[in-house]
Amino acid sequence: MPKKTNGWVKEELYKDFNLYRCDDIESLITEYVKYYNTERPSTKCGRKSPVQFKTEQGFA
């Protein structure tokens, strides 16, 4: 069974963003959302970030 969105978001927060050692969860989530939208490649967007994909499509 494929991982659900909530599962892989939590996994990335724990593994890549050091959630275990975080003192400011709100800032961590803000940083993750920025990463997710501007840097993280998405298979549904042709291995581009959502922002890059939308820009190339003329939406941004």
Protein backbone atom coordinates (compact mmCIF):
# COMPACT_ATOMS: atom_id res chain seq x y z
CA MET A 1 0.00 0.00 0.00
CA PRO A 2 1.44 3.43 -0.93
CA LYS A 3 2.29 5.88 1.80
CA LYS A 4 -0.31 8.54 2.45
CA THR A 5 0.57 12.23 2.34
CA ASN A 6 0.54 12.61 6.11
CA GLY A 7 2.99 9.71 6.46
CA TRP A 8 5.65 10.98 4.09
CA VAL A 9 5.37 14.56 5.34
CA LYS A 10 6.02 13.34 8.88
CA GLU A 11 8.87 11.16 7.68
CA GLU A 12 10.53 14.10 5.90
CA LEU A 13 10.06 16.33 8.94
CA TYR A 14 11.70 13.75 11.22
CA LYS A 15 14.51 12.66 8.90
CA ASP A 16 15.34 15.79 6.88
CA PHE A 17 14.26 18.62 9.19
CA ASN A 18 15.26 17.23 12.62
CA LEU A 19 11.79 17.37 14.15
CA TYR A 20 13.05 15.44 17.20
CA ARG A 21 15.39 18.29 18.15
CA CYS A 22 13.16 21.19 17.16
CA ASP A 23 12.40 23.94 19.68
CA ASP A 24 10.15 25.96 17.37
CA ILE A 25 7.66 23.73 15.54
CA GLU A 26 5.89 26.67 13.87
CA SER A 27 9.12 27.86 12.21
CA LEU A 28 9.98 24.31 11.20
CA ILE A 29 6.60 23.86 9.49
CA THR A 30 7.00 27.22 7.72
CA GLU A 31 10.46 26.17 6.51
CA TYR A 32 9.11 22.80 5.34
CA VAL A 33 6.21 24.36 3.40
CA LYS A 34 8.66 26.70 1.65
CA TYR A 35 10.90 23.72 0.80
CA TYR A 36 7.92 21.67 -0.40
CA ASN A 37 6.71 24.40 -2.75
CA THR A 38 10.02 25.75 -4.07
CA GLU A 39 12.65 23.00 -3.92
CA ARG A 40 11.19 19.52 -3.52
CA PRO A 41 10.70 17.79 -6.90
CA SER A 42 7.26 16.32 -7.48
CA THR A 43 6.60 13.36 -9.76
CA LYS A 44 3.21 14.83 -10.63
CA CYS A 45 4.95 18.01 -11.80
CA GLY A 46 7.49 16.22 -14.00
CA ARG A 47 10.16 16.11 -11.26
CA LYS A 48 9.96 19.89 -10.83
CA SER A 49 8.94 21.87 -7.77
CA PRO A 50 5.34 23.10 -7.78
CA VAL A 51 6.52 26.71 -8.17
CA GLN A 52 8.83 25.83 -11.08
CA PHE A 53 6.07 23.85 -12.78
CA LYS A 54 3.49 26.63 -12.41
CA THR A 55 5.98 29.24 -13.65
CA GLU A 56 6.76 27.20 -16.75
CA GLN A 57 3.03 26.79 -17.38
CA GLY A 58 2.54 30.57 -17.22
CA PHE A 59 0.60 30.66 -13.93
CA ALA A 60 3.09 32.57 -11.81
